[in-house]
Amino acid sequence: MKKIVLAAFAASAILAACEQQGPAEEAGEEIDEAVGTEEQNPAEEAWEDTTDAAEDAWDATTDAAEDAGEQVEEWADEAGEAMEEATEENPEDGAPE
């Protein structure tokens, strides 16, 4: 029984040692990450693509809203000027009775 326990312990120690990365492997992974050669899993790529698309959509929506706001301000200014001109030309038409 002791031999089985010792063999299991030795096997688990060997497996644990194999999973640990040495300094060269860690440095290689850091270089891959910095250069961008590390492979991404499909879920990460899909997440990044979705996030990028959402940011692009947000930017486009914000730009469109700003443009619409500017257009509304321009129309309001034009309407105000037209009303002022109309009351200057015919002051009695705009006065309440």
Protein backbone atom coordinates (compact mmCIF):
# COMPACT_ATOMS: atom_id res chain seq x y z
CA MET A 1 0.00 0.00 0.00
CA LYS A 2 2.87 2.36 0.84
CA LYS A 3 4.37 1.76 -2.58
CA ILE A 4 1.11 2.77 -4.31
CA VAL A 5 0.86 5.96 -2.24
CA LEU A 6 4.52 6.76 -2.94
CA ALA A 7 4.07 6.11 -6.66
CA ALA A 8 0.96 8.32 -6.77
CA PHE A 9 2.77 11.08 -4.90
CA ALA A 10 5.78 10.86 -7.22
CA ALA A 11 3.55 10.92 -10.29
CA SER A 12 1.65 13.98 -9.06
CA ALA A 13 4.92 15.77 -8.25
CA ILE A 14 6.24 15.06 -11.74
CA LEU A 15 3.03 16.26 -13.37
CA ALA A 16 3.04 19.44 -11.26
CA ALA A 17 6.63 20.12 -12.28
CA CYS A 18 5.73 19.69 -15.95
CA GLU A 19 2.93 22.25 -15.69
CA GLN A 20 5.17 24.91 -14.17
CA GLN A 21 6.80 27.22 -16.66
CA GLY A 22 10.39 28.13 -16.51
CA PRO A 23 11.72 31.65 -17.00
CA ALA A 24 12.41 31.04 -20.70
CA GLU A 25 8.84 29.94 -21.37
CA GLU A 26 7.44 32.89 -19.43
CA ALA A 27 9.70 35.30 -21.35
CA GLY A 28 8.62 33.72 -24.64
CA GLU A 29 4.96 34.16 -23.78
CA GLU A 30 5.56 37.80 -22.80
CA ILE A 31 7.26 38.40 -26.15
CA ASP A 32 4.36 36.71 -27.97
CA GLU A 33 1.87 38.89 -26.13
CA ALA A 34 3.86 42.06 -26.86
CA VAL A 35 4.24 41.23 -30.54
CA GLY A 36 0.71 39.91 -30.80
CA THR A 37 1.60 36.47 -32.11
CA GLU A 38 -0.13 34.66 -29.29
CA GLU A 39 -3.12 32.77 -30.56
CA GLN A 40 -6.48 33.88 -29.23
CA ASN A 41 -9.32 31.56 -28.67
CA PRO A 42 -12.42 32.14 -30.81
CA ALA A 43 -14.47 33.43 -27.88
CA GLU A 44 -11.90 36.16 -27.14
CA GLU A 45 -11.76 37.13 -30.81
CA ALA A 46 -15.56 37.27 -31.00
CA TRP A 47 -15.67 39.38 -27.82
CA GLU A 48 -13.12 41.83 -29.21
CA ASP A 49 -14.94 42.01 -32.56
CA THR A 50 -18.24 42.63 -30.79
CA THR A 51 -16.72 45.26 -28.52
CA ASP A 52 -15.11 47.03 -31.48
CA ALA A 53 -18.39 46.97 -33.42
CA ALA A 54 -20.28 48.34 -30.41
CA GLU A 55 -17.76 51.16 -30.00
CA ASP A 56 -18.02 52.00 -33.71
CA ALA A 57 -21.83 52.00 -33.48
CA TRP A 58 -21.69 54.25 -30.40
CA ASP A 59 -19.38 56.68 -32.17
CA ALA A 60 -21.61 56.77 -35.25
CA THR A 61 -24.73 57.28 -33.14
CA THR A 62 -23.09 60.06 -31.14
CA ASP A 63 -21.93 61.79 -34.32
CA ALA A 64 -25.40 61.51 -35.86
CA ALA A 65 -27.03 62.90 -32.70
CA GLU A 66 -24.62 65.84 -32.64
CA ASP A 67 -25.31 66.55 -36.31
CA ALA A 68 -29.07 66.37 -35.70
CA GLY A 69 -28.78 68.70 -32.71
CA GLU A 70 -26.81 71.22 -34.75
CA GLN A 71 -29.41 71.05 -37.53
CA VAL A 72 -32.28 71.61 -35.07
CA GLU A 73 -30.46 74.60 -33.58
CA GLU A 74 -29.95 76.03 -37.07
CA TRP A 75 -33.64 75.58 -37.92
CA ALA A 76 -34.68 77.16 -34.60
CA ASP A 77 -32.44 80.16 -35.28
CA GLU A 78 -33.90 80.51 -38.79
CA ALA A 79 -37.45 80.25 -37.44
CA GLY A 80 -36.70 82.86 -34.78
CA GLU A 81 -35.23 85.23 -37.35
CA ALA A 82 -38.23 84.72 -39.64
CA MET A 83 -40.59 85.51 -36.76
CA GLU A 84 -38.65 88.67 -35.88
CA GLU A 85 -38.70 89.81 -39.50
CA ALA A 86 -42.42 89.13 -39.75
CA THR A 87 -43.22 91.14 -36.63
CA GLU A 88 -40.96 94.00 -37.75
CA GLU A 89 -42.73 94.21 -41.12
CA ASN A 90 -46.24 93.88 -39.66
CA PRO A 91 -46.11 94.75 -35.94
CA GLU A 92 -49.88 94.78 -35.63
CA ASP A 93 -50.28 91.25 -37.04
CA GLY A 94 -48.25 89.76 -34.20
CA ALA A 95 -49.81 91.80 -31.39
CA PRO A 96 -52.55 90.26 -29.27
CA GLU A 97 -55.91 92.06 -29.19
